[in-house]
């Protein structure tokens, strides 16, 4: 369930609000154990996602590094190579 949470700090271009929201959603899903909340839990679930998203954005905005930003395409290519090595190429 949480395999979709990716590192979002120190990329060029920076993480988008949509990426942070998606990570927050995955985090709350993992914590709650619900892929989708029931009608009774929907408000609490959405509030948790909103709060995690806010805190995650604040964290990413506050972090500093002397390392140069990573290139998204290069990192995606590396991930594909690791996956092909691990699972074999299709």
PDB file of N, CA and C in Angstrom:
ATOM      1  N   UNK A   1       0.817  -1.192   0.000  1.00  0.00           N
ATOM      2  CA  UNK A   1       0.000   0.000   0.000  1.00  0.00           C
ATOM      3  C   UNK A   1       0.864   1.261   0.000  1.00  0.00           C
ATOM      4  N   UNK A   2       1.981   1.267   0.721  1.00  0.00           N
ATOM      5  CA  UNK A   2       2.809   2.474   0.819  1.00  0.00           C
ATOM      6  C   UNK A   2       3.942   2.508  -0.197  1.00  0.00           C
ATOM      7  N   UNK A   3       3.977   1.590  -1.101  1.00  0.00           N
ATOM      8  CA  UNK A   3       5.055   1.598  -2.085  1.00  0.00           C
ATOM      9  C   UNK A   3       4.996   2.816  -2.987  1.00  0.00           C
ATOM     10  N   UNK A   4       3.861   3.486  -3.020  1.00  0.00           N
ATOM     11  CA  UNK A   4       3.713   4.664  -3.865  1.00  0.00           C
ATOM     12  C   UNK A   4       4.259   5.929  -3.219  1.00  0.00           C
ATOM     13  N   UNK A   5       4.643   5.857  -1.953  1.00  0.00           N
ATOM     14  CA  UNK A   5       5.208   7.033  -1.312  1.00  0.00           C
ATOM     15  C   UNK A   5       6.651   7.162  -1.791  1.00  0.00           C
ATOM     16  N   UNK A   6       6.946   8.277  -2.410  1.00  0.00           N
ATOM     17  CA  UNK A   6       8.270   8.528  -2.981  1.00  0.00           C
ATOM     18  C   UNK A   6       8.922   9.692  -2.262  1.00  0.00           C
ATOM     19  N   UNK A   7      10.244   9.743  -2.342  1.00  0.00           N
ATOM     20  CA  UNK A   7      10.962  10.897  -1.825  1.00  0.00           C
ATOM     21  C   UNK A   7      10.561  12.108  -2.651  1.00  0.00           C
ATOM     22  N   UNK A   8      10.212  13.189  -1.972  1.00  0.00           N
ATOM     23  CA  UNK A   8       9.741  14.383  -2.666  1.00  0.00           C
ATOM     24  C   UNK A   8      10.662  15.577  -2.471  1.00  0.00           C
ATOM     25  N   UNK A   9      11.637  15.452  -1.602  1.00  0.00           N
ATOM     26  CA  UNK A   9      12.528  16.568  -1.314  1.00  0.00           C
ATOM     27  C   UNK A   9      13.722  16.589  -2.268  1.00  0.00           C
ATOM     28  N   UNK A  10      14.130  17.787  -2.629  1.00  0.00           N
ATOM     29  CA  UNK A  10      15.337  18.050  -3.407  1.00  0.00           C
ATOM     30  C   UNK A  10      15.259  17.521  -4.842  1.00  0.00           C
ATOM     31  N   UNK A  11      14.149  17.819  -5.479  1.00  0.00           N
ATOM     32  CA  UNK A  11      14.002  17.487  -6.889  1.00  0.00           C
ATOM     33  C   UNK A  11      13.820  18.753  -7.696  1.00  0.00           C
ATOM     34  N   UNK A  12      14.219  18.696  -8.948  1.00  0.00           N
ATOM     35  CA  UNK A  12      13.999  19.792  -9.872  1.00  0.00           C
ATOM     36  C   UNK A  12      13.178  19.242 -11.028  1.00  0.00           C
ATOM     37  N   UNK A  13      11.967  19.680 -11.226  1.00  0.00           N
ATOM     38  CA  UNK A  13      11.237  20.703 -10.493  1.00  0.00           C
ATOM     39  C   UNK A  13      10.768  20.183  -9.130  1.00  0.00           C
ATOM     40  N   UNK A  14      10.470  21.108  -8.203  1.00  0.00           N
ATOM     41  CA  UNK A  14      10.051  20.716  -6.858  1.00  0.00           C
ATOM     42  C   UNK A  14       8.748  19.910  -6.868  1.00  0.00           C
ATOM     43  N   UNK A  15       8.511  19.225  -5.760  1.00  0.00           N
ATOM     44  CA  UNK A  15       7.290  18.426  -5.619  1.00  0.00           C
ATOM     45  C   UNK A  15       6.057  19.303  -5.764  1.00  0.00           C
ATOM     46  N   UNK A  16       5.075  18.768  -6.450  1.00  0.00           N
ATOM     47  CA  UNK A  16       3.821  19.495  -6.640  1.00  0.00           C
ATOM     48  C   UNK A  16       2.883  19.216  -5.474  1.00  0.00           C
ATOM     49  N   UNK A  17       1.858  20.042  -5.343  1.00  0.00           N
ATOM     50  CA  UNK A  17       0.840  19.822  -4.316  1.00  0.00           C
ATOM     51  C   UNK A  17       0.149  18.479  -4.525  1.00  0.00           C
ATOM     52  N   UNK A  18      -0.047  18.084  -5.780  1.00  0.00           N
ATOM     53  CA  UNK A  18      -0.692  16.807  -6.077  1.00  0.00           C
ATOM     54  C   UNK A  18       0.153  15.629  -5.600  1.00  0.00           C
ATOM     55  N   UNK A  19       1.471  15.721  -5.776  1.00  0.00           N
ATOM     56  CA  UNK A  19       2.359  14.648  -5.314  1.00  0.00           C
ATOM     57  C   UNK A  19       2.350  14.539  -3.798  1.00  0.00           C
ATOM     58  N   UNK A  20       2.349  15.677  -3.137  1.00  0.00           N
ATOM     59  CA  UNK A  20       2.322  15.671  -1.673  1.00  0.00           C
ATOM     60  C   UNK A  20       0.989  15.119  -1.181  1.00  0.00           C
ATOM     61  N   UNK A  21      -0.103  15.497  -1.820  1.00  0.00           N
ATOM     62  CA  UNK A  21      -1.424  14.988  -1.449  1.00  0.00           C
ATOM     63  C   UNK A  21      -1.482  13.472  -1.632  1.00  0.00           C
ATOM     64  N   UNK A  22      -0.949  12.983  -2.738  1.00  0.00           N
ATOM     65  CA  UNK A  22      -0.959  11.541  -2.998  1.00  0.00           C
ATOM     66  C   UNK A  22      -0.162  10.780  -1.934  1.00  0.00           C
ATOM     67  N   UNK A  23       0.964  11.334  -1.532  1.00  0.00           N
ATOM     68  CA  UNK A  23       1.758  10.696  -0.479  1.00  0.00           C
ATOM     69  C   UNK A  23       1.030  10.727   0.856  1.00  0.00           C
ATOM     70  N   UNK A  24       0.371  11.839   1.149  1.00  0.00           N
ATOM     71  CA  UNK A  24      -0.405  11.943   2.384  1.00  0.00           C
ATOM     72  C   UNK A  24      -1.529  10.907   2.395  1.00  0.00           C
ATOM     73  N   UNK A  25      -2.194  10.754   1.267  1.00  0.00           N
ATOM     74  CA  UNK A  25      -3.268   9.777   1.156  1.00  0.00           C
ATOM     75  C   UNK A  25      -2.742   8.362   1.396  1.00  0.00           C
ATOM     76  N   UNK A  26      -1.619   8.023   0.785  1.00  0.00           N
ATOM     77  CA  UNK A  26      -1.034   6.695   0.980  1.00  0.00           C
ATOM     78  C   UNK A  26      -0.648   6.464   2.436  1.00  0.00           C
ATOM     79  N   UNK A  27      -0.104   7.494   3.074  1.00  0.00           N
ATOM     80  CA  UNK A  27       0.296   7.391   4.478  1.00  0.00           C
ATOM     81  C   UNK A  27      -0.921   7.127   5.363  1.00  0.00           C
ATOM     82  N   UNK A  28      -1.983   7.879   5.165  1.00  0.00           N
ATOM     83  CA  UNK A  28      -3.198   7.698   5.968  1.00  0.00           C
ATOM     84  C   UNK A  28      -3.829   6.340   5.687  1.00  0.00           C
ATOM     85  N   UNK A  29      -3.803   5.904   4.446  1.00  0.00           N
ATOM     86  CA  UNK A  29      -4.310   4.566   4.125  1.00  0.00           C
ATOM     87  C   UNK A  29      -3.542   3.502   4.888  1.00  0.00           C
ATOM     88  N   UNK A  30      -2.234   3.646   4.927  1.00  0.00           N
ATOM     89  CA  UNK A  30      -1.403   2.659   5.624  1.00  0.00           C
ATOM     90  C   UNK A  30      -1.689   2.672   7.118  1.00  0.00           C
ATOM     91  N   UNK A  31      -1.747   3.858   7.713  1.00  0.00           N
ATOM     92  CA  UNK A  31      -2.008   3.953   9.146  1.00  0.00           C
ATOM     93  C   UNK A  31      -3.372   3.390   9.524  1.00  0.00           C
ATOM     94  N   UNK A  32      -4.376   3.707   8.722  1.00  0.00           N
ATOM     95  CA  UNK A  32      -5.739   3.295   9.050  1.00  0.00           C
ATOM     96  C   UNK A  32      -6.024   1.849   8.658  1.00  0.00           C
ATOM     97  N   UNK A  33      -5.313   1.364   7.654  1.00  0.00           N
ATOM     98  CA  UNK A  33      -5.592   0.028   7.147  1.00  0.00           C
ATOM     99  C   UNK A  33      -6.744  -0.005   6.169  1.00  0.00           C
ATOM    100  N   UNK A  34      -7.254   1.184   5.797  1.00  0.00           N
ATOM    101  CA  UNK A  34      -8.380   1.283   4.864  1.00  0.00           C
ATOM    102  C   UNK A  34      -7.917   1.810   3.521  1.00  0.00           C
ATOM    103  N   UNK A  35      -8.140   1.074   2.435  1.00  0.00           N
ATOM    104  CA  UNK A  35      -7.871   1.661   1.121  1.00  0.00           C
ATOM    105  C   UNK A  35      -8.853   2.800   0.837  1.00  0.00           C
ATOM    106  N   UNK A  36     -10.084   2.615   1.310  1.00  0.00           N
ATOM    107  CA  UNK A  36     -11.123   3.654   1.240  1.00  0.00           C
ATOM    108  C   UNK A  36     -11.890   3.589   2.544  1.00  0.00           C
ATOM    109  N   UNK A  37     -12.159   4.727   3.150  1.00  0.00           N
ATOM    110  CA  UNK A  37     -12.877   4.691   4.428  1.00  0.00           C
ATOM    111  C   UNK A  37     -14.370   4.422   4.231  1.00  0.00           C
ATOM    112  N   UNK A  38     -14.995   3.919   5.274  1.00  0.00           N
ATOM    113  CA  UNK A  38     -16.451   3.760   5.249  1.00  0.00           C
ATOM    114  C   UNK A  38     -17.087   5.145   5.324  1.00  0.00           C
ATOM    115  N   UNK A  39     -18.359   5.211   5.078  1.00  0.00           N
ATOM    116  CA  UNK A  39     -19.068   6.496   5.147  1.00  0.00           C
ATOM    117  C   UNK A  39     -18.931   7.115   6.533  1.00  0.00           C
ATOM    118  N   UNK A  40     -18.946   6.288   7.562  1.00  0.00           N
ATOM    119  CA  UNK A  40     -18.818   6.780   8.936  1.00  0.00           C
ATOM    120  C   UNK A  40     -17.441   7.368   9.215  1.00  0.00           C
ATOM    121  N   UNK A  41     -16.425   6.856   8.553  1.00  0.00           N
ATOM    122  CA  UNK A  41     -15.053   7.295   8.810  1.00  0.00           C
ATOM    123  C   UNK A  41     -14.525   8.295   7.788  1.00  0.00           C
ATOM    124  N   UNK A  42     -15.314   8.606   6.773  1.00  0.00           N
ATOM    125  CA  UNK A  42     -14.839   9.454   5.676  1.00  0.00           C
ATOM    126  C   UNK A  42     -14.358  10.822   6.150  1.00  0.00           C
ATOM    127  N   UNK A  43     -15.098  11.485   7.033  1.00  0.00           N
ATOM    128  CA  UNK A  43     -14.712  12.822   7.507  1.00  0.00           C
ATOM    129  C   UNK A  43     -13.389  12.772   8.265  1.00  0.00           C
ATOM    130  N   UNK A  44     -13.231  11.798   9.146  1.00  0.00           N
ATOM    131  CA  UNK A  44     -11.987  11.667   9.906  1.00  0.00           C
ATOM    132  C   UNK A  44     -10.819  11.345   8.984  1.00  0.00           C
ATOM    133  N   UNK A  45     -11.068  10.488   8.007  1.00  0.00           N
ATOM    134  CA  UNK A  45     -10.045  10.088   7.047  1.00  0.00           C
ATOM    135  C   UNK A  45      -9.578  11.303   6.237  1.00  0.00           C
ATOM    136  N   UNK A  46     -10.521  12.063   5.700  1.00  0.00           N
ATOM    137  CA  UNK A  46     -10.181  13.246   4.895  1.00  0.00           C
ATOM    138  C   UNK A  46      -9.472  14.308   5.726  1.00  0.00           C
ATOM    139  N   UNK A  47      -9.893  14.491   6.971  1.00  0.00           N
ATOM    140  CA  UNK A  47      -9.225  15.443   7.858  1.00  0.00           C
ATOM    141  C   UNK A  47      -7.776  15.019   8.089  1.00  0.00           C
ATOM    142  N   UNK A  48      -7.558  13.733   8.296  1.00  0.00           N
ATOM    143  CA  UNK A  48      -6.204  13.224   8.492  1.00  0.00           C
ATOM    144  C   UNK A  48      -5.346  13.465   7.250  1.00  0.00           C
ATOM    145  N   UNK A  49      -5.897  13.202   6.075  1.00  0.00           N
ATOM    146  CA  UNK A  49      -5.160  13.431   4.830  1.00  0.00           C
ATOM    147  C   UNK A  49      -4.806  14.915   4.705  1.00  0.00           C
ATOM    148  N   UNK A  50      -5.765  15.791   4.980  1.00  0.00           N
ATOM    149  CA  UNK A  50      -5.508  17.233   4.913  1.00  0.00           C
ATOM    150  C   UNK A  50      -4.398  17.647   5.866  1.00  0.00           C
ATOM    151  N   UNK A  51      -4.448  17.127   7.105  1.00  0.00           N
ATOM    152  CA  UNK A  51      -3.436  17.489   8.105  1.00  0.00           C
ATOM    153  C   UNK A  51      -2.052  16.970   7.726  1.00  0.00           C
ATOM    154  N   UNK A  52      -1.981  15.729   7.251  1.00  0.00           N
ATOM    155  CA  UNK A  52      -0.693  15.164   6.841  1.00  0.00           C
ATOM    156  C   UNK A  52      -0.139  15.939   5.649  1.00  0.00           C
ATOM    157  N   UNK A  53      -0.990  16.296   4.719  1.00  0.00           N
ATOM    158  CA  UNK A  53      -0.554  17.068   3.555  1.00  0.00           C
ATOM    159  C   UNK A  53       0.035  18.416   3.985  1.00  0.00           C
ATOM    160  N   UNK A  54      -0.623  19.087   4.916  1.00  0.00           N
ATOM    161  CA  UNK A  54      -0.152  20.385   5.404  1.00  0.00           C
ATOM    162  C   UNK A  54       1.216  20.253   6.081  1.00  0.00           C
ATOM    163  N   UNK A  55       1.352  19.254   6.927  1.00  0.00           N
ATOM    164  CA  UNK A  55       2.615  19.047   7.637  1.00  0.00           C
ATOM    165  C   UNK A  55       3.716  18.623   6.669  1.00  0.00           C
ATOM    166  N   UNK A  56       3.386  17.779   5.703  1.00  0.00           N
ATOM    167  CA  UNK A  56       4.387  17.341   4.724  1.00  0.00           C
ATOM    168  C   UNK A  56       4.890  18.522   3.896  1.00  0.00           C
ATOM    169  N   UNK A  57       3.995  19.394   3.470  1.00  0.00           N
ATOM    170  CA  UNK A  57       4.396  20.580   2.696  1.00  0.00           C
ATOM    171  C   UNK A  57       5.297  21.475   3.546  1.00  0.00           C
ATOM    172  N   UNK A  58       4.935  21.672   4.810  1.00  0.00           N
ATOM    173  CA  UNK A  58       5.757  22.496   5.701  1.00  0.00           C
ATOM    174  C   UNK A  58       7.147  21.885   5.874  1.00  0.00           C
ATOM    175  N   UNK A  59       7.206  20.573   6.021  1.00  0.00           N
ATOM    176  CA  UNK A  59       8.493  19.896   6.158  1.00  0.00           C
ATOM    177  C   UNK A  59       9.346  20.076   4.908  1.00  0.00           C
ATOM    178  N   UNK A  60       8.786  19.790   3.757  1.00  0.00           N
ATOM    179  CA  UNK A  60       9.543  19.894   2.507  1.00  0.00           C
ATOM    180  C   UNK A  60      10.027  21.324   2.283  1.00  0.00           C
ATOM    181  N   UNK A  61       9.175  22.294   2.601  1.00  0.00           N
ATOM    182  CA  UNK A  61       9.559  23.698   2.432  1.00  0.00           C
ATOM    183  C   UNK A  61      10.634  24.134   3.423  1.00  0.00           C
ATOM    184  N   UNK A  62      10.701  23.490   4.598  1.00  0.00           N
ATOM    185  CA  UNK A  62      11.660  23.884   5.633  1.00  0.00           C
ATOM    186  C   UNK A  62      13.018  23.197   5.492  1.00  0.00           C
ATOM    187  N   UNK A  63      13.074  22.065   4.815  1.00  0.00           N
ATOM    188  CA  UNK A  63      14.331  21.326   4.690  1.00  0.00           C
ATOM    189  C   UNK A  63      15.326  22.078   3.815  1.00  0.00           C
ATOM    190  N   UNK A  64      16.602  21.952   4.171  1.00  0.00           N
ATOM    191  CA  UNK A  64      17.674  22.557   3.381  1.00  0.00           C
ATOM    192  C   UNK A  64      18.739  21.501   3.111  1.00  0.00           C
ATOM    193  N   UNK A  65      19.457  21.683   2.029  1.00  0.00           N
ATOM    194  CA  UNK A  65      20.542  20.772   1.682  1.00  0.00           C
ATOM    195  C   UNK A  65      21.554  21.516   0.828  1.00  0.00           C
ATOM    196  N   UNK A  66      22.785  21.040   0.890  1.00  0.00           N
ATOM    197  CA  UNK A  66      23.811  21.619   0.026  1.00  0.00           C
ATOM    198  C   UNK A  66      23.947  20.799  -1.262  1.00  0.00           C
ATOM    199  N   UNK A  67      23.257  19.666  -1.323  1.00  0.00           N
ATOM    200  CA  UNK A  67      23.303  18.817  -2.518  1.00  0.00           C
ATOM    201  C   UNK A  67      22.502  19.461  -3.648  1.00  0.00           C
ATOM    202  N   UNK A  68      22.957  19.254  -4.853  1.00  0.00           N
ATOM    203  CA  UNK A  68      22.208  19.787  -5.991  1.00  0.00           C
ATOM    204  C   UNK A  68      20.937  18.968  -6.180  1.00  0.00           C
ATOM    205  N   UNK A  69      19.867  19.587  -6.701  1.00  0.00           N
ATOM    206  CA  UNK A  69      18.606  18.873  -6.889  1.00  0.00           C
ATOM    207  C   UNK A  69      18.753  17.700  -7.848  1.00  0.00           C
ATOM    208  N   UNK A  70      17.986  16.650  -7.569  1.00  0.00           N
ATOM    209  CA  UNK A  70      17.983  15.465  -8.427  1.00  0.00           C
ATOM    210  C   UNK A  70      17.069  15.705  -9.621  1.00  0.00           C
ATOM    211  N   UNK A  71      17.437  15.098 -10.720  1.00  0.00           N
ATOM    212  CA  UNK A  71      16.643  15.188 -11.942  1.00  0.00           C
ATOM    213  C   UNK A  71      15.600  14.081 -11.930  1.00  0.00           C
ATOM    214  N   UNK A  72      14.339  14.439 -12.107  1.00  0.00           N
ATOM    215  CA  UNK A  72      13.250  13.464 -12.044  1.00  0.00           C
ATOM    216  C   UNK A  72      13.387  12.365 -13.092  1.00  0.00           C
ATOM    217  N   UNK A  73      13.728  12.738 -14.310  1.00  0.00           N
ATOM    218  CA  UNK A  73      13.832  11.743 -15.377  1.00  0.00           C
ATOM    219  C   UNK A  73      14.979  10.769 -15.114  1.00  0.00           C
ATOM    220  N   UNK A  74      16.102  11.281 -14.651  1.00  0.00           N
ATOM    221  CA  UNK A  74      17.247  10.420 -14.352  1.00  0.00           C
ATOM    222  C   UNK A  74      16.916   9.454 -13.218  1.00  0.00           C
ATOM    223  N   UNK A  75      16.232   9.942 -12.184  1.00  0.00           N
ATOM    224  CA  UNK A  75      15.858   9.082 -11.060  1.00  0.00           C
ATOM    225  C   UNK A  75      14.842   8.025 -11.501  1.00  0.00           C
ATOM    226  N   UNK A  76      13.916   8.385 -12.376  1.00  0.00           N
ATOM    227  CA  UNK A  76      12.935   7.425 -12.895  1.00  0.00           C
ATOM    228  C   UNK A  76      13.632   6.342 -13.709  1.00  0.00           C
ATOM    229  N   UNK A  77      14.625   6.732 -14.499  1.00  0.00           N
ATOM    230  CA  UNK A  77      15.381   5.754 -15.291  1.00  0.00           C
ATOM    231  C   UNK A  77      16.134   4.791 -14.384  1.00  0.00           C
ATOM    232  N   UNK A  78      16.731   5.312 -13.315  1.00  0.00           N
ATOM    233  CA  UNK A  78      17.427   4.448 -12.351  1.00  0.00           C
ATOM    234  C   UNK A  78      16.459   3.463 -11.707  1.00  0.00           C
ATOM    235  N   UNK A  79      15.269   3.944 -11.356  1.00  0.00           N
ATOM    236  CA  UNK A  79      14.267   3.072 -10.739  1.00  0.00           C
ATOM    237  C   UNK A  79      13.840   1.967 -11.697  1.00  0.00           C
ATOM    238  N   UNK A  80      13.691   2.296 -12.977  1.00  0.00           N
ATOM    239  CA  UNK A  80      13.324   1.286 -13.970  1.00  0.00           C
ATOM    240  C   UNK A  80      14.422   0.238 -14.107  1.00  0.00           C
ATOM    241  N   UNK A  81      15.679   0.678 -14.062  1.00  0.00           N
ATOM    242  CA  UNK A  81      16.798  -0.262 -14.141  1.00  0.00           C
ATOM    243  C   UNK A  81      16.810  -1.195 -12.930  1.00  0.00           C
ATOM    244  N   UNK A  82      16.578  -0.635 -11.740  1.00  0.00           N
ATOM    245  CA  UNK A  82      16.545  -1.462 -10.533  1.00  0.00           C
ATOM    246  C   UNK A  82      15.404  -2.475 -10.618  1.00  0.00           C
ATOM    247  N   UNK A  83      14.262  -2.031 -11.113  1.00  0.00           N
ATOM    248  CA  UNK A  83      13.103  -2.915 -11.231  1.00  0.00           C
ATOM    249  C   UNK A  83      13.371  -4.033 -12.240  1.00  0.00           C
ATOM    250  N   UNK A  84      13.974  -3.687 -13.365  1.00  0.00           N
ATOM    251  CA  UNK A  84      14.284  -4.694 -14.382  1.00  0.00           C
ATOM    252  C   UNK A  84      15.274  -5.714 -13.846  1.00  0.00           C
ATOM    253  N   UNK A  85      16.236  -5.241 -13.075  1.00  0.00           N
ATOM    254  CA  UNK A  85      17.227  -6.157 -12.499  1.00  0.00           C
ATOM    255  C   UNK A  85      16.563  -7.064 -11.471  1.00  0.00           C
ATOM    256  N   UNK A  86      15.665  -6.500 -10.689  1.00  0.00           N
ATOM    257  CA  UNK A  86      15.021  -7.267  -9.639  1.00  0.00           C
ATOM    258  C   UNK A  86      13.989  -8.254 -10.177  1.00  0.00           C
ATOM    259  N   UNK A  87      13.159  -7.802 -11.120  1.00  0.00           N
ATOM    260  CA  UNK A  87      12.053  -8.605 -11.599  1.00  0.00           C
ATOM    261  C   UNK A  87      12.250  -9.171 -12.994  1.00  0.00           C
ATOM    262  N   UNK A  88      13.332  -8.785 -13.641  1.00  0.00           N
ATOM    263  CA  UNK A  88      13.551  -9.220 -15.015  1.00  0.00           C
ATOM    264  C   UNK A  88      12.840  -8.308 -15.986  1.00  0.00           C
ATOM    265  N   UNK A  89      13.405  -8.116 -17.148  1.00  0.00           N
ATOM    266  CA  UNK A  89      12.768  -7.229 -18.119  1.00  0.00           C
ATOM    267  C   UNK A  89      11.624  -7.943 -18.810  1.00  0.00           C
ATOM    268  N   UNK A  90      10.623  -7.147 -19.175  1.00  0.00           N
ATOM    269  CA  UNK A  90       9.412  -7.725 -19.776  1.00  0.00           C
ATOM    270  C   UNK A  90       9.588  -7.935 -21.256  1.00  0.00           C
TER     271      UNK A  90
END
